Amino acid sequence: LVESGGGLVQAGGSLRLSCAASGLTFS
């Protein structure tokens, strides 16, 4: 499971985190 999308943001801002999965039956 590999997360991405983190970072530094000001209060009130937005971020979108993603997680890519492999090696399993995701559904």
mmCIF file of all heavy atoms, coordinates in Angstrom:
data_MODEL
# 
_entry.id   MODEL 
# 
loop_
_atom_site.group_PDB 
_atom_site.id 
_atom_site.type_symbol 
_atom_site.label_atom_id 
_atom_site.label_alt_id 
_atom_site.label_comp_id 
_atom_site.label_asym_id 
_atom_site.label_entity_id 
_atom_site.label_seq_id 
_atom_site.pdbx_PDB_ins_code 
_atom_site.Cartn_x 
_atom_site.Cartn_y 
_atom_site.Cartn_z 
_atom_site.occupancy 
_atom_site.B_iso_or_equiv 
_atom_site.pdbx_formal_charge 
_atom_site.auth_seq_id 
_atom_site.auth_comp_id 
_atom_site.auth_asym_id 
_atom_site.auth_atom_id 
_atom_site.pdbx_PDB_model_num 
ATOM 1   N N   . LEU A 1 1  ? 0.872   -1.164  0.000  1.00 0.00 ? 1  LEU A N   1 
ATOM 2   C CA  . LEU A 1 1  ? 0.000   0.000   0.000  1.00 0.00 ? 1  LEU A CA  1 
ATOM 3   C C   . LEU A 1 1  ? 0.911   1.216   0.000  1.00 0.00 ? 1  LEU A C   1 
ATOM 4   O O   . LEU A 1 1  ? 1.740   1.361   0.905  1.00 0.00 ? 1  LEU A O   1 
ATOM 5   C CB  . LEU A 1 1  ? -0.901  0.009   1.234  1.00 0.00 ? 1  LEU A CB  1 
ATOM 6   C CG  . LEU A 1 1  ? -1.823  -1.194  1.429  1.00 0.00 ? 1  LEU A CG  1 
ATOM 7   C CD1 . LEU A 1 1  ? -2.578  -1.058  2.753  1.00 0.00 ? 1  LEU A CD1 1 
ATOM 8   C CD2 . LEU A 1 1  ? -2.804  -1.316  0.287  1.00 0.00 ? 1  LEU A CD2 1 
ATOM 9   N N   . VAL A 1 2  ? 0.777   2.057   -0.999 1.00 0.00 ? 2  VAL A N   1 
ATOM 10  C CA  . VAL A 1 2  ? 1.668   3.197   -1.142 1.00 0.00 ? 2  VAL A CA  1 
ATOM 11  C C   . VAL A 1 2  ? 0.846   4.478   -1.166 1.00 0.00 ? 2  VAL A C   1 
ATOM 12  O O   . VAL A 1 2  ? 0.065   4.709   -2.105 1.00 0.00 ? 2  VAL A O   1 
ATOM 13  C CB  . VAL A 1 2  ? 2.514   3.090   -2.416 1.00 0.00 ? 2  VAL A CB  1 
ATOM 14  C CG1 . VAL A 1 2  ? 3.441   4.300   -2.532 1.00 0.00 ? 2  VAL A CG1 1 
ATOM 15  C CG2 . VAL A 1 2  ? 3.325   1.799   -2.414 1.00 0.00 ? 2  VAL A CG2 1 
ATOM 16  N N   . GLU A 1 3  ? 1.023   5.297   -0.131 1.00 0.00 ? 3  GLU A N   1 
ATOM 17  C CA  . GLU A 1 3  ? 0.303   6.565   -0.030 1.00 0.00 ? 3  GLU A CA  1 
ATOM 18  C C   . GLU A 1 3  ? 1.071   7.662   -0.757 1.00 0.00 ? 3  GLU A C   1 
ATOM 19  O O   . GLU A 1 3  ? 2.299   7.634   -0.851 1.00 0.00 ? 3  GLU A O   1 
ATOM 20  C CB  . GLU A 1 3  ? 0.112   6.983   1.430  1.00 0.00 ? 3  GLU A CB  1 
ATOM 21  C CG  . GLU A 1 3  ? -0.640  6.008   2.303  1.00 0.00 ? 3  GLU A CG  1 
ATOM 22  C CD  . GLU A 1 3  ? 0.264   5.108   3.093  1.00 0.00 ? 3  GLU A CD  1 
ATOM 23  O OE1 . GLU A 1 3  ? 1.420   4.900   2.652  1.00 0.00 ? 3  GLU A OE1 1 
ATOM 24  O OE2 . GLU A 1 3  ? -0.158  4.615   4.154  1.00 0.00 ? 3  GLU A OE2 1 
ATOM 25  N N   . SER A 1 4  ? 0.336   8.643   -1.225 1.00 0.00 ? 4  SER A N   1 
ATOM 26  C CA  . SER A 1 4  ? 0.930   9.825   -1.846 1.00 0.00 ? 4  SER A CA  1 
ATOM 27  C C   . SER A 1 4  ? -0.022  10.994  -1.669 1.00 0.00 ? 4  SER A C   1 
ATOM 28  O O   . SER A 1 4  ? -1.187  10.813  -1.306 1.00 0.00 ? 4  SER A O   1 
ATOM 29  C CB  . SER A 1 4  ? 1.206   9.580   -3.339 1.00 0.00 ? 4  SER A CB  1 
ATOM 30  O OG  . SER A 1 4  ? -0.004  9.303   -4.022 1.00 0.00 ? 4  SER A OG  1 
ATOM 31  N N   . GLY A 1 5  ? 0.496   12.186  -1.922 1.00 0.00 ? 5  GLY A N   1 
ATOM 32  C CA  . GLY A 1 5  ? -0.355  13.365  -1.888 1.00 0.00 ? 5  GLY A CA  1 
ATOM 33  C C   . GLY A 1 5  ? -0.223  14.233  -0.656 1.00 0.00 ? 5  GLY A C   1 
ATOM 34  O O   . GLY A 1 5  ? -0.856  15.289  -0.567 1.00 0.00 ? 5  GLY A O   1 
ATOM 35  N N   . GLY A 1 6  ? 0.566   13.802  0.302  1.00 0.00 ? 6  GLY A N   1 
ATOM 36  C CA  . GLY A 1 6  ? 0.748   14.618  1.493  1.00 0.00 ? 6  GLY A CA  1 
ATOM 37  C C   . GLY A 1 6  ? 1.588   15.852  1.191  1.00 0.00 ? 6  GLY A C   1 
ATOM 38  O O   . GLY A 1 6  ? 2.133   16.013  0.100  1.00 0.00 ? 6  GLY A O   1 
ATOM 39  N N   . GLY A 1 7  ? 1.658   16.738  2.178  1.00 0.00 ? 7  GLY A N   1 
ATOM 40  C CA  . GLY A 1 7  ? 2.449   17.941  1.990  1.00 0.00 ? 7  GLY A CA  1 
ATOM 41  C C   . GLY A 1 7  ? 2.107   19.000  3.003  1.00 0.00 ? 7  GLY A C   1 
ATOM 42  O O   . GLY A 1 7  ? 1.440   18.726  4.006  1.00 0.00 ? 7  GLY A O   1 
ATOM 43  N N   . LEU A 1 8  ? 2.571   20.208  2.721  1.00 0.00 ? 8  LEU A N   1 
ATOM 44  C CA  . LEU A 1 8  ? 2.339   21.357  3.588  1.00 0.00 ? 8  LEU A CA  1 
ATOM 45  C C   . LEU A 1 8  ? 1.274   22.237  2.964  1.00 0.00 ? 8  LEU A C   1 
ATOM 46  O O   . LEU A 1 8  ? 1.352   22.582  1.776  1.00 0.00 ? 8  LEU A O   1 
ATOM 47  C CB  . LEU A 1 8  ? 3.646   22.139  3.759  1.00 0.00 ? 8  LEU A CB  1 
ATOM 48  C CG  . LEU A 1 8  ? 3.566   23.465  4.512  1.00 0.00 ? 8  LEU A CG  1 
ATOM 49  C CD1 . LEU A 1 8  ? 3.142   23.233  5.957  1.00 0.00 ? 8  LEU A CD1 1 
ATOM 50  C CD2 . LEU A 1 8  ? 4.904   24.189  4.448  1.00 0.00 ? 8  LEU A CD2 1 
ATOM 51  N N   . VAL A 1 9  ? 0.281   22.593  3.758  1.00 0.00 ? 9  VAL A N   1 
ATOM 52  C CA  . VAL A 1 9  ? -0.811  23.428  3.268  1.00 0.00 ? 9  VAL A CA  1 
ATOM 53  C C   . VAL A 1 9  ? -1.235  24.385  4.370  1.00 0.00 ? 9  VAL A C   1 
ATOM 54  O O   . VAL A 1 9  ? -1.096  24.085  5.557  1.00 0.00 ? 9  VAL A O   1 
ATOM 55  C CB  . VAL A 1 9  ? -1.992  22.534  2.804  1.00 0.00 ? 9  VAL A CB  1 
ATOM 56  C CG1 . VAL A 1 9  ? -2.593  21.757  3.970  1.00 0.00 ? 9  VAL A CG1 1 
ATOM 57  C CG2 . VAL A 1 9  ? -3.049  23.339  2.085  1.00 0.00 ? 9  VAL A CG2 1 
ATOM 58  N N   . GLN A 1 10 ? -1.744  25.536  3.962  1.00 0.00 ? 10 GLN A N   1 
ATOM 59  C CA  . GLN A 1 10 ? -2.235  26.492  4.944  1.00 0.00 ? 10 GLN A CA  1 
ATOM 60  C C   . GLN A 1 10 ? -3.616  26.078  5.442  1.00 0.00 ? 10 GLN A C   1 
ATOM 61  O O   . GLN A 1 10 ? -4.365  25.382  4.738  1.00 0.00 ? 10 GLN A O   1 
ATOM 62  C CB  . GLN A 1 10 ? -2.306  27.888  4.328  1.00 0.00 ? 10 GLN A CB  1 
ATOM 63  C CG  . GLN A 1 10 ? -0.945  28.529  4.101  1.00 0.00 ? 10 GLN A CG  1 
ATOM 64  C CD  . GLN A 1 10 ? -1.052  29.974  3.671  1.00 0.00 ? 10 GLN A CD  1 
ATOM 65  O OE1 . GLN A 1 10 ? -2.052  30.381  3.079  1.00 0.00 ? 10 GLN A OE1 1 
ATOM 66  N NE2 . GLN A 1 10 ? -0.032  30.762  3.968  1.00 0.00 ? 10 GLN A NE2 1 
ATOM 67  N N   . ALA A 1 11 ? -3.934  26.523  6.630  1.00 0.00 ? 11 ALA A N   1 
ATOM 68  C CA  . ALA A 1 11 ? -5.261  26.262  7.178  1.00 0.00 ? 11 ALA A CA  1 
ATOM 69  C C   . ALA A 1 11 ? -6.324  26.756  6.206  1.00 0.00 ? 11 ALA A C   1 
ATOM 70  O O   . ALA A 1 11 ? -6.195  27.838  5.618  1.00 0.00 ? 11 ALA A O   1 
ATOM 71  C CB  . ALA A 1 11 ? -5.417  26.947  8.525  1.00 0.00 ? 11 ALA A CB  1 
ATOM 72  N N   . GLY A 1 12 ? -7.352  25.945  6.037  1.00 0.00 ? 12 GLY A N   1 
ATOM 73  C CA  . GLY A 1 12 ? -8.403  26.250  5.088  1.00 0.00 ? 12 GLY A CA  1 
ATOM 74  C C   . GLY A 1 12 ? -8.184  25.657  3.715  1.00 0.00 ? 12 GLY A C   1 
ATOM 75  O O   . GLY A 1 12 ? -9.093  25.660  2.872  1.00 0.00 ? 12 GLY A O   1 
ATOM 76  N N   . GLY A 1 13 ? -6.998  25.161  3.490  1.00 0.00 ? 13 GLY A N   1 
ATOM 77  C CA  . GLY A 1 13 ? -6.666  24.585  2.194  1.00 0.00 ? 13 GLY A CA  1 
ATOM 78  C C   . GLY A 1 13 ? -7.124  23.147  2.052  1.00 0.00 ? 13 GLY A C   1 
ATOM 79  O O   . GLY A 1 13 ? -7.779  22.589  2.936  1.00 0.00 ? 13 GLY A O   1 
ATOM 80  N N   . SER A 1 14 ? -6.747  22.550  0.924  1.00 0.00 ? 14 SER A N   1 
ATOM 81  C CA  . SER A 1 14 ? -7.172  21.187  0.602  1.00 0.00 ? 14 SER A CA  1 
ATOM 82  C C   . SER A 1 14 ? -5.985  20.343  0.164  1.00 0.00 ? 14 SER A C   1 
ATOM 83  O O   . SER A 1 14 ? -5.004  20.861  -0.382 1.00 0.00 ? 14 SER A O   1 
ATOM 84  C CB  . SER A 1 14 ? -8.199  21.203  -0.534 1.00 0.00 ? 14 SER A CB  1 
ATOM 85  O OG  . SER A 1 14 ? -9.372  21.896  -0.165 1.00 0.00 ? 14 SER A OG  1 
ATOM 86  N N   . LEU A 1 15 ? -6.112  19.063  0.409  1.00 0.00 ? 15 LEU A N   1 
ATOM 87  C CA  . LEU A 1 15 ? -5.167  18.067  -0.099 1.00 0.00 ? 15 LEU A CA  1 
ATOM 88  C C   . LEU A 1 15 ? -5.958  16.829  -0.474 1.00 0.00 ? 15 LEU A C   1 
ATOM 89  O O   . LEU A 1 15 ? -7.014  16.553  0.127  1.00 0.00 ? 15 LEU A O   1 
ATOM 90  C CB  . LEU A 1 15 ? -4.114  17.690  0.943  1.00 0.00 ? 15 LEU A CB  1 
ATOM 91  C CG  . LEU A 1 15 ? -2.946  18.648  1.198  1.00 0.00 ? 15 LEU A CG  1 
ATOM 92  C CD1 . LEU A 1 15 ? -2.108  18.141  2.361  1.00 0.00 ? 15 LEU A CD1 1 
ATOM 93  C CD2 . LEU A 1 15 ? -2.090  18.808  -0.044 1.00 0.00 ? 15 LEU A CD2 1 
ATOM 94  N N   . ARG A 1 16 ? -5.424  16.086  -1.420 1.00 0.00 ? 16 ARG A N   1 
ATOM 95  C CA  . ARG A 1 16 ? -6.029  14.807  -1.783 1.00 0.00 ? 16 ARG A CA  1 
ATOM 96  C C   . ARG A 1 16 ? -4.972  13.724  -1.626 1.00 0.00 ? 16 ARG A C   1 
ATOM 97  O O   . ARG A 1 16 ? -3.955  13.730  -2.313 1.00 0.00 ? 16 ARG A O   1 
ATOM 98  C CB  . ARG A 1 16 ? -6.554  14.826  -3.217 1.00 0.00 ? 16 ARG A CB  1 
ATOM 99  C CG  . ARG A 1 16 ? -7.298  13.555  -3.615 1.00 0.00 ? 16 ARG A CG  1 
ATOM 100 C CD  . ARG A 1 16 ? -7.857  13.678  -5.026 1.00 0.00 ? 16 ARG A CD  1 
ATOM 101 N NE  . ARG A 1 16 ? -8.599  12.499  -5.442 1.00 0.00 ? 16 ARG A NE  1 
ATOM 102 C CZ  . ARG A 1 16 ? -9.882  12.309  -5.201 1.00 0.00 ? 16 ARG A CZ  1 
ATOM 103 N NH1 . ARG A 1 16 ? -10.579 13.232  -4.553 1.00 0.00 ? 16 ARG A NH1 1 
ATOM 104 N NH2 . ARG A 1 16 ? -10.494 11.209  -5.614 1.00 0.00 ? 16 ARG A NH2 1 
ATOM 105 N N   . LEU A 1 17 ? -5.226  12.810  -0.711 1.00 0.00 ? 17 LEU A N   1 
ATOM 106 C CA  . LEU A 1 17 ? -4.330  11.678  -0.507 1.00 0.00 ? 17 LEU A CA  1 
ATOM 107 C C   . LEU A 1 17 ? -4.793  10.507  -1.359 1.00 0.00 ? 17 LEU A C   1 
ATOM 108 O O   . LEU A 1 17 ? -5.992  10.276  -1.515 1.00 0.00 ? 17 LEU A O   1 
ATOM 109 C CB  . LEU A 1 17 ? -4.304  11.264  0.962  1.00 0.00 ? 17 LEU A CB  1 
ATOM 110 C CG  . LEU A 1 17 ? -3.932  12.334  1.980  1.00 0.00 ? 17 LEU A CG  1 
ATOM 111 C CD1 . LEU A 1 17 ? -3.868  11.709  3.379  1.00 0.00 ? 17 LEU A CD1 1 
ATOM 112 C CD2 . LEU A 1 17 ? -2.627  13.007  1.630  1.00 0.00 ? 17 LEU A CD2 1 
ATOM 113 N N   . SER A 1 18 ? -3.826  9.785   -1.892 1.00 0.00 ? 18 SER A N   1 
ATOM 114 C CA  . SER A 1 18 ? -4.127  8.588   -2.658 1.00 0.00 ? 18 SER A CA  1 
ATOM 115 C C   . SER A 1 18 ? -3.356  7.411   -2.089 1.00 0.00 ? 18 SER A C   1 
ATOM 116 O O   . SER A 1 18 ? -2.281  7.587   -1.504 1.00 0.00 ? 18 SER A O   1 
ATOM 117 C CB  . SER A 1 18 ? -3.753  8.783   -4.129 1.00 0.00 ? 18 SER A CB  1 
ATOM 118 O OG  . SER A 1 18 ? -4.538  9.791   -4.726 1.00 0.00 ? 18 SER A OG  1 
ATOM 119 N N   . CYS A 1 19 ? -3.915  6.236   -2.265 1.00 0.00 ? 19 CYS A N   1 
ATOM 120 C CA  . CYS A 1 19 ? -3.256  5.009   -1.827 1.00 0.00 ? 19 CYS A CA  1 
ATOM 121 C C   . CYS A 1 19 ? -3.390  3.990   -2.948 1.00 0.00 ? 19 CYS A C   1 
ATOM 122 O O   . CYS A 1 19 ? -4.511  3.635   -3.334 1.00 0.00 ? 19 CYS A O   1 
ATOM 123 C CB  . CYS A 1 19 ? -3.895  4.489   -0.547 1.00 0.00 ? 19 CYS A CB  1 
ATOM 124 S SG  . CYS A 1 19 ? -3.304  2.876   0.002  1.00 0.00 ? 19 CYS A SG  1 
ATOM 125 N N   . ALA A 1 20 ? -2.259  3.545   -3.458 1.00 0.00 ? 20 ALA A N   1 
ATOM 126 C CA  . ALA A 1 20 ? -2.238  2.539   -4.515 1.00 0.00 ? 20 ALA A CA  1 
ATOM 127 C C   . ALA A 1 20 ? -1.941  1.179   -3.904 1.00 0.00 ? 20 ALA A C   1 
ATOM 128 O O   . ALA A 1 20 ? -0.958  1.022   -3.174 1.00 0.00 ? 20 ALA A O   1 
ATOM 129 C CB  . ALA A 1 20 ? -1.179  2.895   -5.553 1.00 0.00 ? 20 ALA A CB  1 
ATOM 130 N N   . ALA A 1 21 ? -2.796  0.221   -4.197 1.00 0.00 ? 21 ALA A N   1 
ATOM 131 C CA  . ALA A 1 21 ? -2.665  -1.121  -3.622 1.00 0.00 ? 21 ALA A CA  1 
ATOM 132 C C   . ALA A 1 21 ? -2.206  -2.113  -4.677 1.00 0.00 ? 21 ALA A C   1 
ATOM 133 O O   . ALA A 1 21 ? -2.609  -2.033  -5.841 1.00 0.00 ? 21 ALA A O   1 
ATOM 134 C CB  . ALA A 1 21 ? -3.996  -1.566  -3.031 1.00 0.00 ? 21 ALA A CB  1 
ATOM 135 N N   . SER A 1 22 ? -1.387  -3.043  -4.256 1.00 0.00 ? 22 SER A N   1 
ATOM 136 C CA  . SER A 1 22 ? -0.953  -4.130  -5.142 1.00 0.00 ? 22 SER A CA  1 
ATOM 137 C C   . SER A 1 22 ? -0.729  -5.380  -4.313 1.00 0.00 ? 22 SER A C   1 
ATOM 138 O O   . SER A 1 22 ? -0.555  -5.309  -3.091 1.00 0.00 ? 22 SER A O   1 
ATOM 139 C CB  . SER A 1 22 ? 0.338   -3.745  -5.882 1.00 0.00 ? 22 SER A CB  1 
ATOM 140 O OG  . SER A 1 22 ? 1.388   -3.497  -4.975 1.00 0.00 ? 22 SER A OG  1 
ATOM 141 N N   . GLY A 1 23 ? -0.763  -6.527  -4.991 1.00 0.00 ? 23 GLY A N   1 
ATOM 142 C CA  . GLY A 1 23 ? -0.522  -7.786  -4.308 1.00 0.00 ? 23 GLY A CA  1 
ATOM 143 C C   . GLY A 1 23 ? -1.721  -8.341  -3.568 1.00 0.00 ? 23 GLY A C   1 
ATOM 144 O O   . GLY A 1 23 ? -1.584  -9.289  -2.792 1.00 0.00 ? 23 GLY A O   1 
ATOM 145 N N   . LEU A 1 24 ? -2.891  -7.760  -3.773 1.00 0.00 ? 24 LEU A N   1 
ATOM 146 C CA  . LEU A 1 24 ? -4.106  -8.259  -3.138 1.00 0.00 ? 24 LEU A CA  1 
ATOM 147 C C   . LEU A 1 24 ? -5.276  -8.092  -4.095 1.00 0.00 ? 24 LEU A C   1 
ATOM 148 O O   . LEU A 1 24 ? -5.184  -7.363  -5.084 1.00 0.00 ? 24 LEU A O   1 
ATOM 149 C CB  . LEU A 1 24 ? -4.381  -7.519  -1.822 1.00 0.00 ? 24 LEU A CB  1 
ATOM 150 C CG  . LEU A 1 24 ? -4.397  -5.972  -1.800 1.00 0.00 ? 24 LEU A CG  1 
ATOM 151 C CD1 . LEU A 1 24 ? -5.638  -5.392  -2.446 1.00 0.00 ? 24 LEU A CD1 1 
ATOM 152 C CD2 . LEU A 1 24 ? -4.280  -5.477  -0.383 1.00 0.00 ? 24 LEU A CD2 1 
ATOM 153 N N   . THR A 1 25 ? -6.360  -8.803  -3.786 1.00 0.00 ? 25 THR A N   1 
ATOM 154 C CA  . THR A 1 25 ? -7.596  -8.640  -4.551 1.00 0.00 ? 25 THR A CA  1 
ATOM 155 C C   . THR A 1 25 ? -8.319  -7.443  -3.965 1.00 0.00 ? 25 THR A C   1 
ATOM 156 O O   . THR A 1 25 ? -9.004  -7.548  -2.945 1.00 0.00 ? 25 THR A O   1 
ATOM 157 C CB  . THR A 1 25 ? -8.456  -9.905  -4.477 1.00 0.00 ? 25 THR A CB  1 
ATOM 158 O OG1 . THR A 1 25 ? -7.698  -11.030 -4.922 1.00 0.00 ? 25 THR A OG1 1 
ATOM 159 C CG2 . THR A 1 25 ? -9.697  -9.752  -5.347 1.00 0.00 ? 25 THR A CG2 1 
ATOM 160 N N   . PHE A 1 26 ? -8.144  -6.313  -4.608 1.00 0.00 ? 26 PHE A N   1 
ATOM 161 C CA  . PHE A 1 26 ? -8.577  -5.046  -4.008 1.00 0.00 ? 26 PHE A CA  1 
ATOM 162 C C   . PHE A 1 26 ? -10.069 -5.025  -3.717 1.00 0.00 ? 26 PHE A C   1 
ATOM 163 O O   . PHE A 1 26 ? -10.502 -4.497  -2.694 1.00 0.00 ? 26 PHE A O   1 
ATOM 164 C CB  . PHE A 1 26 ? -8.197  -3.899  -4.949 1.00 0.00 ? 26 PHE A CB  1 
ATOM 165 C CG  . PHE A 1 26 ? -8.359  -2.539  -4.353 1.00 0.00 ? 26 PHE A CG  1 
ATOM 166 C CD1 . PHE A 1 26 ? -7.544  -2.121  -3.305 1.00 0.00 ? 26 PHE A CD1 1 
ATOM 167 C CD2 . PHE A 1 26 ? -9.322  -1.668  -4.834 1.00 0.00 ? 26 PHE A CD2 1 
ATOM 168 C CE1 . PHE A 1 26 ? -7.683  -0.867  -2.752 1.00 0.00 ? 26 PHE A CE1 1 
ATOM 169 C CE2 . PHE A 1 26 ? -9.480  -0.409  -4.296 1.00 0.00 ? 26 PHE A CE2 1 
ATOM 170 C CZ  . PHE A 1 26 ? -8.651  -0.001  -3.244 1.00 0.00 ? 26 PHE A CZ  1 
ATOM 171 N N   . SER A 1 27 ? -10.861 -5.609  -4.580 1.00 0.00 ? 27 SER A N   1 
ATOM 172 C CA  . SER A 1 27 ? -12.323 -5.532  -4.428 1.00 0.00 ? 27 SER A CA  1 
ATOM 173 C C   . SER A 1 27 ? -12.862 -6.390  -3.295 1.00 0.00 ? 27 SER A C   1 
ATOM 174 O O   . SER A 1 27 ? -14.071 -6.369  -3.026 1.00 0.00 ? 27 SER A O   1 
ATOM 175 C CB  . SER A 1 27 ? -13.000 -5.922  -5.743 1.00 0.00 ? 27 SER A CB  1 
ATOM 176 O OG  . SER A 1 27 ? -12.666 -7.261  -6.080 1.00 0.00 ? 27 SER A OG  1 
# 
